[in-house]
């Protein structure tokens, strides 16, 4: 019986080394790509939220790896904040991450329960980390049956006028239980009633006619200005 001759295959070392080097190089390249940090962070469409607050919420303030960041996770983290209605996070060229934020607009701070009231009627505790400049304060109690109407009236105030109101006081009288007094940043005062709350939107037009005089503007019953002595 003839013996079987088993031929041993010679391993070609050089081609194997080349393959290992190529695979190693590719793996190292992928590793470096994943570890490459974000070079630029851009926050857009914010009016009152600080960039640091947004970046901290999205967990990117420390400039992590550009491709290690999940844009979907960032969006979810941002939208958990009561101050943010909607968020979109996108990657752009040169390792730039763009965070577009649609804010939940604050209307006023309720000093009675120390909450921020939004146009969505949501109320959250005042957060000292948020720069709530240009947001008026409600300084006294408003009955529940008037409070909803007050929030609705506030949502109709233009942003540029809203920013000129410092304090708001519920001040009913014998004739009008819906009456409010607005203290303006410029020293003027304005009386409004809930059915005419949007009249404050004409404040800038009226202001131009006052010739720097200070006083009380009655928009609750008629439209007249009383100069302060």
C-alpha atoms as a PDB file:
ATOM      1  CA  UNK A   1       0.000   0.000   0.000  1.00  0.00           C
ATOM      2  CA  UNK A   2       1.478   3.341  -1.044  1.00  0.00           C
ATOM      3  CA  UNK A   3       2.109   5.938   1.639  1.00  0.00           C
ATOM      4  CA  UNK A   4       0.174   9.157   1.453  1.00  0.00           C
ATOM      5  CA  UNK A   5       2.443  12.094   1.269  1.00  0.00           C
ATOM      6  CA  UNK A   6       1.021  15.103   3.137  1.00  0.00           C
ATOM      7  CA  UNK A   7       2.348  18.299   1.774  1.00  0.00           C
ATOM      8  CA  UNK A   8       2.801  21.025   4.389  1.00  0.00           C
ATOM      9  CA  UNK A   9       1.640  24.406   3.304  1.00  0.00           C
ATOM     10  CA  UNK A  10       4.135  27.103   3.815  1.00  0.00           C
ATOM     11  CA  UNK A  11       2.714  30.210   5.442  1.00  0.00           C
ATOM     12  CA  UNK A  12       3.736  33.224   3.524  1.00  0.00           C
ATOM     13  CA  UNK A  13       4.838  35.559   6.305  1.00  0.00           C
ATOM     14  CA  UNK A  14       5.173  38.758   4.294  1.00  0.00           C
ATOM     15  CA  UNK A  15       1.600  38.826   2.876  1.00  0.00           C
ATOM     16  CA  UNK A  16       0.223  37.995   6.349  1.00  0.00           C
ATOM     17  CA  UNK A  17       2.196  40.819   7.908  1.00  0.00           C
ATOM     18  CA  UNK A  18       0.887  43.207   5.288  1.00  0.00           C
ATOM     19  CA  UNK A  19      -2.714  42.131   6.008  1.00  0.00           C
ATOM     20  CA  UNK A  20      -2.182  42.533   9.779  1.00  0.00           C
ATOM     21  CA  UNK A  21      -0.603  45.938   9.257  1.00  0.00           C
ATOM     22  CA  UNK A  22      -3.484  47.080   7.069  1.00  0.00           C
ATOM     23  CA  UNK A  23      -6.102  45.827   9.579  1.00  0.00           C
ATOM     24  CA  UNK A  24      -4.165  47.337  12.448  1.00  0.00           C
ATOM     25  CA  UNK A  25      -3.850  50.638  10.624  1.00  0.00           C
ATOM     26  CA  UNK A  26      -7.568  50.712   9.832  1.00  0.00           C
ATOM     27  CA  UNK A  27      -8.485  49.881  13.446  1.00  0.00           C
ATOM     28  CA  UNK A  28      -6.175  52.579  14.750  1.00  0.00           C
ATOM     29  CA  UNK A  29      -7.585  55.055  12.239  1.00  0.00           C
ATOM     30  CA  UNK A  30     -11.165  54.265  13.338  1.00  0.00           C
ATOM     31  CA  UNK A  31     -10.100  54.622  16.990  1.00  0.00           C
ATOM     32  CA  UNK A  32      -8.543  58.025  16.326  1.00  0.00           C
ATOM     33  CA  UNK A  33     -11.622  59.105  14.360  1.00  0.00           C
ATOM     34  CA  UNK A  34     -13.943  58.141  17.222  1.00  0.00           C
ATOM     35  CA  UNK A  35     -11.737  59.884  19.767  1.00  0.00           C
ATOM     36  CA  UNK A  36     -11.410  63.072  17.720  1.00  0.00           C
ATOM     37  CA  UNK A  37     -13.099  65.732  19.886  1.00  0.00           C
ATOM     38  CA  UNK A  38     -15.740  68.219  18.877  1.00  0.00           C
ATOM     39  CA  UNK A  39     -13.973  71.352  17.701  1.00  0.00           C
ATOM     40  CA  UNK A  40     -16.894  73.749  17.615  1.00  0.00           C
ATOM     41  CA  UNK A  41     -20.221  73.875  19.490  1.00  0.00           C
ATOM     42  CA  UNK A  42     -22.939  76.203  18.196  1.00  0.00           C
ATOM     43  CA  UNK A  43     -26.230  76.935  20.000  1.00  0.00           C
ATOM     44  CA  UNK A  44     -28.870  78.699  17.902  1.00  0.00           C
ATOM     45  CA  UNK A  45     -32.265  80.388  18.419  1.00  0.00           C
ATOM     46  CA  UNK A  46     -31.962  80.976  22.167  1.00  0.00           C
ATOM     47  CA  UNK A  47     -33.273  84.213  23.647  1.00  0.00           C
ATOM     48  CA  UNK A  48     -32.862  83.766  27.383  1.00  0.00           C
ATOM     49  CA  UNK A  49     -31.183  80.387  27.919  1.00  0.00           C
ATOM     50  CA  UNK A  50     -27.431  80.530  28.410  1.00  0.00           C
ATOM     51  CA  UNK A  51     -25.274  78.487  26.030  1.00  0.00           C
ATOM     52  CA  UNK A  52     -23.528  76.783  28.951  1.00  0.00           C
ATOM     53  CA  UNK A  53     -26.881  75.630  30.313  1.00  0.00           C
ATOM     54  CA  UNK A  54     -27.838  74.100  26.934  1.00  0.00           C
ATOM     55  CA  UNK A  55     -24.423  72.437  26.418  1.00  0.00           C
ATOM     56  CA  UNK A  56     -24.475  71.058  29.957  1.00  0.00           C
ATOM     57  CA  UNK A  57     -27.927  69.544  29.446  1.00  0.00           C
ATOM     58  CA  UNK A  58     -26.800  67.930  26.186  1.00  0.00           C
ATOM     59  CA  UNK A  59     -23.705  66.537  27.987  1.00  0.00           C
ATOM     60  CA  UNK A  60     -21.288  67.999  25.436  1.00  0.00           C
ATOM     61  CA  UNK A  61     -19.854  70.915  27.400  1.00  0.00           C
ATOM     62  CA  UNK A  62     -16.544  69.034  27.826  1.00  0.00           C
ATOM     63  CA  UNK A  63     -16.139  68.555  24.038  1.00  0.00           C
ATOM     64  CA  UNK A  64     -16.369  64.723  23.843  1.00  0.00           C
ATOM     65  CA  UNK A  65     -15.517  62.657  20.758  1.00  0.00           C
ATOM     66  CA  UNK A  66     -17.352  64.008  17.721  1.00  0.00           C
ATOM     67  CA  UNK A  67     -18.568  60.601  16.520  1.00  0.00           C
ATOM     68  CA  UNK A  68     -19.141  59.259  20.022  1.00  0.00           C
ATOM     69  CA  UNK A  69     -21.945  61.738  20.592  1.00  0.00           C
ATOM     70  CA  UNK A  70     -25.453  60.456  19.891  1.00  0.00           C
ATOM     71  CA  UNK A  71     -27.450  63.346  18.439  1.00  0.00           C
ATOM     72  CA  UNK A  72     -30.688  61.535  19.297  1.00  0.00           C
ATOM     73  CA  UNK A  73     -29.620  61.198  22.948  1.00  0.00           C
ATOM     74  CA  UNK A  74     -28.685  64.903  23.067  1.00  0.00           C
ATOM     75  CA  UNK A  75     -32.113  65.873  21.747  1.00  0.00           C
ATOM     76  CA  UNK A  76     -33.848  63.694  24.352  1.00  0.00           C
ATOM     77  CA  UNK A  77     -31.769  65.178  27.170  1.00  0.00           C
ATOM     78  CA  UNK A  78     -32.537  68.727  26.052  1.00  0.00           C
ATOM     79  CA  UNK A  79     -36.265  68.132  25.661  1.00  0.00           C
ATOM     80  CA  UNK A  80     -36.504  66.902  29.251  1.00  0.00           C
ATOM     81  CA  UNK A  81     -35.925  70.488  30.368  1.00  0.00           C
ATOM     82  CA  UNK A  82     -39.131  72.462  31.035  1.00  0.00           C
ATOM     83  CA  UNK A  83     -37.382  75.461  29.477  1.00  0.00           C
ATOM     84  CA  UNK A  84     -37.046  73.725  26.089  1.00  0.00           C
ATOM     85  CA  UNK A  85     -39.984  72.885  23.852  1.00  0.00           C
ATOM     86  CA  UNK A  86     -38.022  71.251  21.032  1.00  0.00           C
ATOM     87  CA  UNK A  87     -34.366  70.573  20.159  1.00  0.00           C
ATOM     88  CA  UNK A  88     -32.490  69.495  17.042  1.00  0.00           C
ATOM     89  CA  UNK A  89     -28.828  68.407  17.077  1.00  0.00           C
ATOM     90  CA  UNK A  90     -26.844  68.040  13.838  1.00  0.00           C
ATOM     91  CA  UNK A  91     -23.257  67.256  12.857  1.00  0.00           C
ATOM     92  CA  UNK A  92     -21.571  69.556  10.380  1.00  0.00           C
ATOM     93  CA  UNK A  93     -18.172  69.708   8.687  1.00  0.00           C
ATOM     94  CA  UNK A  94     -14.953  70.283  10.634  1.00  0.00           C
ATOM     95  CA  UNK A  95     -16.274  68.510  13.743  1.00  0.00           C
ATOM     96  CA  UNK A  96     -18.945  71.085  14.429  1.00  0.00           C
ATOM     97  CA  UNK A  97     -22.047  70.229  16.446  1.00  0.00           C
ATOM     98  CA  UNK A  98     -25.030  72.555  15.966  1.00  0.00           C
ATOM     99  CA  UNK A  99     -27.755  72.595  18.629  1.00  0.00           C
ATOM    100  CA  UNK A 100     -30.953  74.345  17.572  1.00  0.00           C
ATOM    101  CA  UNK A 101     -33.311  75.078  20.459  1.00  0.00           C
ATOM    102  CA  UNK A 102     -36.952  76.119  20.485  1.00  0.00           C
ATOM    103  CA  UNK A 103     -37.540  77.624  23.896  1.00  0.00           C
ATOM    104  CA  UNK A 104     -40.638  77.268  26.020  1.00  0.00           C
ATOM    105  CA  UNK A 105     -41.367  80.990  26.388  1.00  0.00           C
ATOM    106  CA  UNK A 106     -41.536  82.296  29.968  1.00  0.00           C
ATOM    107  CA  UNK A 107     -44.287  84.842  30.628  1.00  0.00           C
ATOM    108  CA  UNK A 108     -43.638  85.886  34.206  1.00  0.00           C
ATOM    109  CA  UNK A 109     -42.304  84.840  37.586  1.00  0.00           C
ATOM    110  CA  UNK A 110     -44.952  84.180  40.205  1.00  0.00           C
ATOM    111  CA  UNK A 111     -43.440  85.594  43.396  1.00  0.00           C
ATOM    112  CA  UNK A 112     -46.075  83.935  45.570  1.00  0.00           C
ATOM    113  CA  UNK A 113     -45.017  80.355  44.841  1.00  0.00           C
ATOM    114  CA  UNK A 114     -41.609  81.135  43.266  1.00  0.00           C
ATOM    115  CA  UNK A 115     -42.347  79.543  39.905  1.00  0.00           C
ATOM    116  CA  UNK A 116     -41.746  80.478  36.301  1.00  0.00           C
ATOM    117  CA  UNK A 117     -44.967  80.451  34.281  1.00  0.00           C
ATOM    118  CA  UNK A 118     -44.736  79.585  30.575  1.00  0.00           C
ATOM    119  CA  UNK A 119     -46.991  80.242  27.614  1.00  0.00           C
ATOM    120  CA  UNK A 120     -47.896  76.531  27.758  1.00  0.00           C
ATOM    121  CA  UNK A 121     -49.328  77.276  31.270  1.00  0.00           C
ATOM    122  CA  UNK A 122     -46.683  75.012  32.757  1.00  0.00           C
ATOM    123  CA  UNK A 123     -45.150  76.220  36.015  1.00  0.00           C
ATOM    124  CA  UNK A 124     -41.725  75.154  37.295  1.00  0.00           C
ATOM    125  CA  UNK A 125     -39.663  76.266  40.302  1.00  0.00           C
ATOM    126  CA  UNK A 126     -37.412  79.258  39.658  1.00  0.00           C
ATOM    127  CA  UNK A 127     -33.970  78.004  38.611  1.00  0.00           C
ATOM    128  CA  UNK A 128     -31.149  80.327  39.600  1.00  0.00           C
ATOM    129  CA  UNK A 129     -29.022  78.904  36.788  1.00  0.00           C
ATOM    130  CA  UNK A 130     -31.381  80.367  34.193  1.00  0.00           C
ATOM    131  CA  UNK A 131     -30.957  83.991  33.208  1.00  0.00           C
ATOM    132  CA  UNK A 132     -34.579  85.112  33.293  1.00  0.00           C
ATOM    133  CA  UNK A 133     -33.865  88.725  32.480  1.00  0.00           C
ATOM    134  CA  UNK A 134     -36.629  90.799  30.968  1.00  0.00           C
ATOM    135  CA  UNK A 135     -39.342  88.640  32.545  1.00  0.00           C
ATOM    136  CA  UNK A 136     -41.918  90.483  34.696  1.00  0.00           C
ATOM    137  CA  UNK A 137     -42.875  89.417  38.213  1.00  0.00           C
ATOM    138  CA  UNK A 138     -46.378  88.871  39.530  1.00  0.00           C
ATOM    139  CA  UNK A 139     -46.069  90.296  43.037  1.00  0.00           C
ATOM    140  CA  UNK A 140     -49.372  89.355  44.688  1.00  0.00           C
ATOM    141  CA  UNK A 141     -52.027  86.662  44.776  1.00  0.00           C
ATOM    142  CA  UNK A 142     -54.515  86.302  41.920  1.00  0.00           C
ATOM    143  CA  UNK A 143     -57.719  84.297  42.556  1.00  0.00           C
ATOM    144  CA  UNK A 144     -57.965  81.024  40.641  1.00  0.00           C
ATOM    145  CA  UNK A 145     -60.977  82.209  38.626  1.00  0.00           C
ATOM    146  CA  UNK A 146     -58.880  85.151  37.331  1.00  0.00           C
ATOM    147  CA  UNK A 147     -55.494  83.450  37.090  1.00  0.00           C
ATOM    148  CA  UNK A 148     -56.184  81.462  33.900  1.00  0.00           C
ATOM    149  CA  UNK A 149     -57.475  84.561  32.151  1.00  0.00           C
ATOM    150  CA  UNK A 150     -54.402  86.456  33.303  1.00  0.00           C
ATOM    151  CA  UNK A 151     -52.051  83.841  31.796  1.00  0.00           C
ATOM    152  CA  UNK A 152     -54.027  83.931  28.544  1.00  0.00           C
ATOM    153  CA  UNK A 153     -53.720  87.721  28.484  1.00  0.00           C
ATOM    154  CA  UNK A 154     -49.990  87.519  29.076  1.00  0.00           C
ATOM    155  CA  UNK A 155     -49.513  85.167  26.121  1.00  0.00           C
ATOM    156  CA  UNK A 156     -50.891  87.891  23.826  1.00  0.00           C
ATOM    157  CA  UNK A 157     -48.284  90.472  24.846  1.00  0.00           C
ATOM    158  CA  UNK A 158     -45.523  91.051  22.292  1.00  0.00           C
ATOM    159  CA  UNK A 159     -42.036  90.094  23.418  1.00  0.00           C
ATOM    160  CA  UNK A 160     -40.583  93.598  23.048  1.00  0.00           C
ATOM    161  CA  UNK A 161     -43.341  95.032  25.262  1.00  0.00           C
ATOM    162  CA  UNK A 162     -43.205  92.150  27.744  1.00  0.00           C
ATOM    163  CA  UNK A 163     -39.535  92.970  28.283  1.00  0.00           C
ATOM    164  CA  UNK A 164     -40.468  96.492  29.445  1.00  0.00           C
ATOM    165  CA  UNK A 165     -42.697  95.297  32.300  1.00  0.00           C
ATOM    166  CA  UNK A 166     -40.976  94.908  35.663  1.00  0.00           C
ATOM    167  CA  UNK A 167     -43.824  94.034  38.076  1.00  0.00           C
ATOM    168  CA  UNK A 168     -47.510  93.164  37.832  1.00  0.00           C
ATOM    169  CA  UNK A 169     -50.054  93.583  40.625  1.00  0.00           C
ATOM    170  CA  UNK A 170     -53.612  92.314  40.768  1.00  0.00           C
ATOM    171  CA  UNK A 171     -55.553  95.423  41.829  1.00  0.00           C
ATOM    172  CA  UNK A 172     -59.335  95.017  41.526  1.00  0.00           C
ATOM    173  CA  UNK A 173     -61.733  97.787  42.534  1.00  0.00           C
ATOM    174  CA  UNK A 174     -65.487  97.991  43.139  1.00  0.00           C
ATOM    175  CA  UNK A 175     -66.175  98.342  39.428  1.00  0.00           C
ATOM    176  CA  UNK A 176     -63.672  95.921  37.885  1.00  0.00           C
ATOM    177  CA  UNK A 177     -62.594  92.620  39.431  1.00  0.00           C
ATOM    178  CA  UNK A 178     -60.343  91.910  36.410  1.00  0.00           C
ATOM    179  CA  UNK A 179     -58.080  94.918  36.935  1.00  0.00           C
ATOM    180  CA  UNK A 180     -54.276  94.743  36.960  1.00  0.00           C
ATOM    181  CA  UNK A 181     -51.575  97.359  37.462  1.00  0.00           C
ATOM    182  CA  UNK A 182     -48.359  97.040  35.450  1.00  0.00           C
ATOM    183  CA  UNK A 183     -45.179  98.745  36.623  1.00  0.00           C
ATOM    184  CA  UNK A 184     -42.977  99.590  33.656  1.00  0.00           C
ATOM    185  CA  UNK A 185     -39.168  99.736  33.646  1.00  0.00           C
ATOM    186  CA  UNK A 186     -39.272 103.387  32.557  1.00  0.00           C
ATOM    187  CA  UNK A 187     -41.206 104.480  35.670  1.00  0.00           C
ATOM    188  CA  UNK A 188     -44.690 104.616  34.139  1.00  0.00           C
ATOM    189  CA  UNK A 189     -47.650 102.574  35.369  1.00  0.00           C
ATOM    190  CA  UNK A 190     -50.407 101.030  33.253  1.00  0.00           C
ATOM    191  CA  UNK A 191     -53.857  99.859  34.306  1.00  0.00           C
ATOM    192  CA  UNK A 192     -55.316  96.965  32.307  1.00  0.00           C
ATOM    193  CA  UNK A 193     -58.359  94.755  32.515  1.00  0.00           C
ATOM    194  CA  UNK A 194     -58.430  91.138  31.317  1.00  0.00           C
ATOM    195  CA  UNK A 195     -60.735  91.860  28.363  1.00  0.00           C
ATOM    196  CA  UNK A 196     -58.316  94.537  27.100  1.00  0.00           C
ATOM    197  CA  UNK A 197     -54.987  93.007  28.052  1.00  0.00           C
ATOM    198  CA  UNK A 198     -53.625  93.160  24.515  1.00  0.00           C
ATOM    199  CA  UNK A 199     -53.943  96.979  24.602  1.00  0.00           C
ATOM    200  CA  UNK A 200     -50.501  97.035  26.223  1.00  0.00           C
ATOM    201  CA  UNK A 201     -49.077  96.100  22.812  1.00  0.00           C
ATOM    202  CA  UNK A 202     -49.587  99.745  21.791  1.00  0.00           C
ATOM    203  CA  UNK A 203     -47.408 100.946  24.659  1.00  0.00           C
ATOM    204  CA  UNK A 204     -44.452 101.845  22.420  1.00  0.00           C
ATOM    205  CA  UNK A 205     -46.697 103.988  20.206  1.00  0.00           C
ATOM    206  CA  UNK A 206     -48.156 105.766  23.229  1.00  0.00           C
ATOM    207  CA  UNK A 207     -44.714 106.229  24.764  1.00  0.00           C
ATOM    208  CA  UNK A 208     -43.539 108.228  21.752  1.00  0.00           C
ATOM    209  CA  UNK A 209     -46.346 110.729  22.394  1.00  0.00           C
ATOM    210  CA  UNK A 210     -45.649 111.254  26.108  1.00  0.00           C
ATOM    211  CA  UNK A 211     -42.581 113.463  25.545  1.00  0.00           C
ATOM    212  CA  UNK A 212     -40.663 111.811  28.423  1.00  0.00           C
ATOM    213  CA  UNK A 213     -43.432 112.633  30.922  1.00  0.00           C
ATOM    214  CA  UNK A 214     -44.062 110.053  33.648  1.00  0.00           C
ATOM    215  CA  UNK A 215     -47.405 109.013  34.970  1.00  0.00           C
ATOM    216  CA  UNK A 216     -50.250 106.509  34.856  1.00  0.00           C
ATOM    217  CA  UNK A 217     -51.745 105.181  31.635  1.00  0.00           C
ATOM    218  CA  UNK A 218     -55.343 103.996  32.018  1.00  0.00           C
ATOM    219  CA  UNK A 219     -56.130 101.327  29.442  1.00  0.00           C
ATOM    220  CA  UNK A 220     -58.690  99.537  31.600  1.00  0.00           C
ATOM    221  CA  UNK A 221     -61.452 102.080  31.109  1.00  0.00           C
ATOM    222  CA  UNK A 222     -60.881 104.546  28.325  1.00  0.00           C
ATOM    223  CA  UNK A 223     -57.445 105.553  27.078  1.00  0.00           C
ATOM    224  CA  UNK A 224     -56.020 108.479  29.000  1.00  0.00           C
ATOM    225  CA  UNK A 225     -52.739 109.394  30.634  1.00  0.00           C
ATOM    226  CA  UNK A 226     -52.440 111.045  34.043  1.00  0.00           C
ATOM    227  CA  UNK A 227     -49.178 112.925  34.567  1.00  0.00           C
ATOM    228  CA  UNK A 228     -47.566 112.308  37.920  1.00  0.00           C
ATOM    229  CA  UNK A 229     -46.852 115.460  39.945  1.00  0.00           C
END
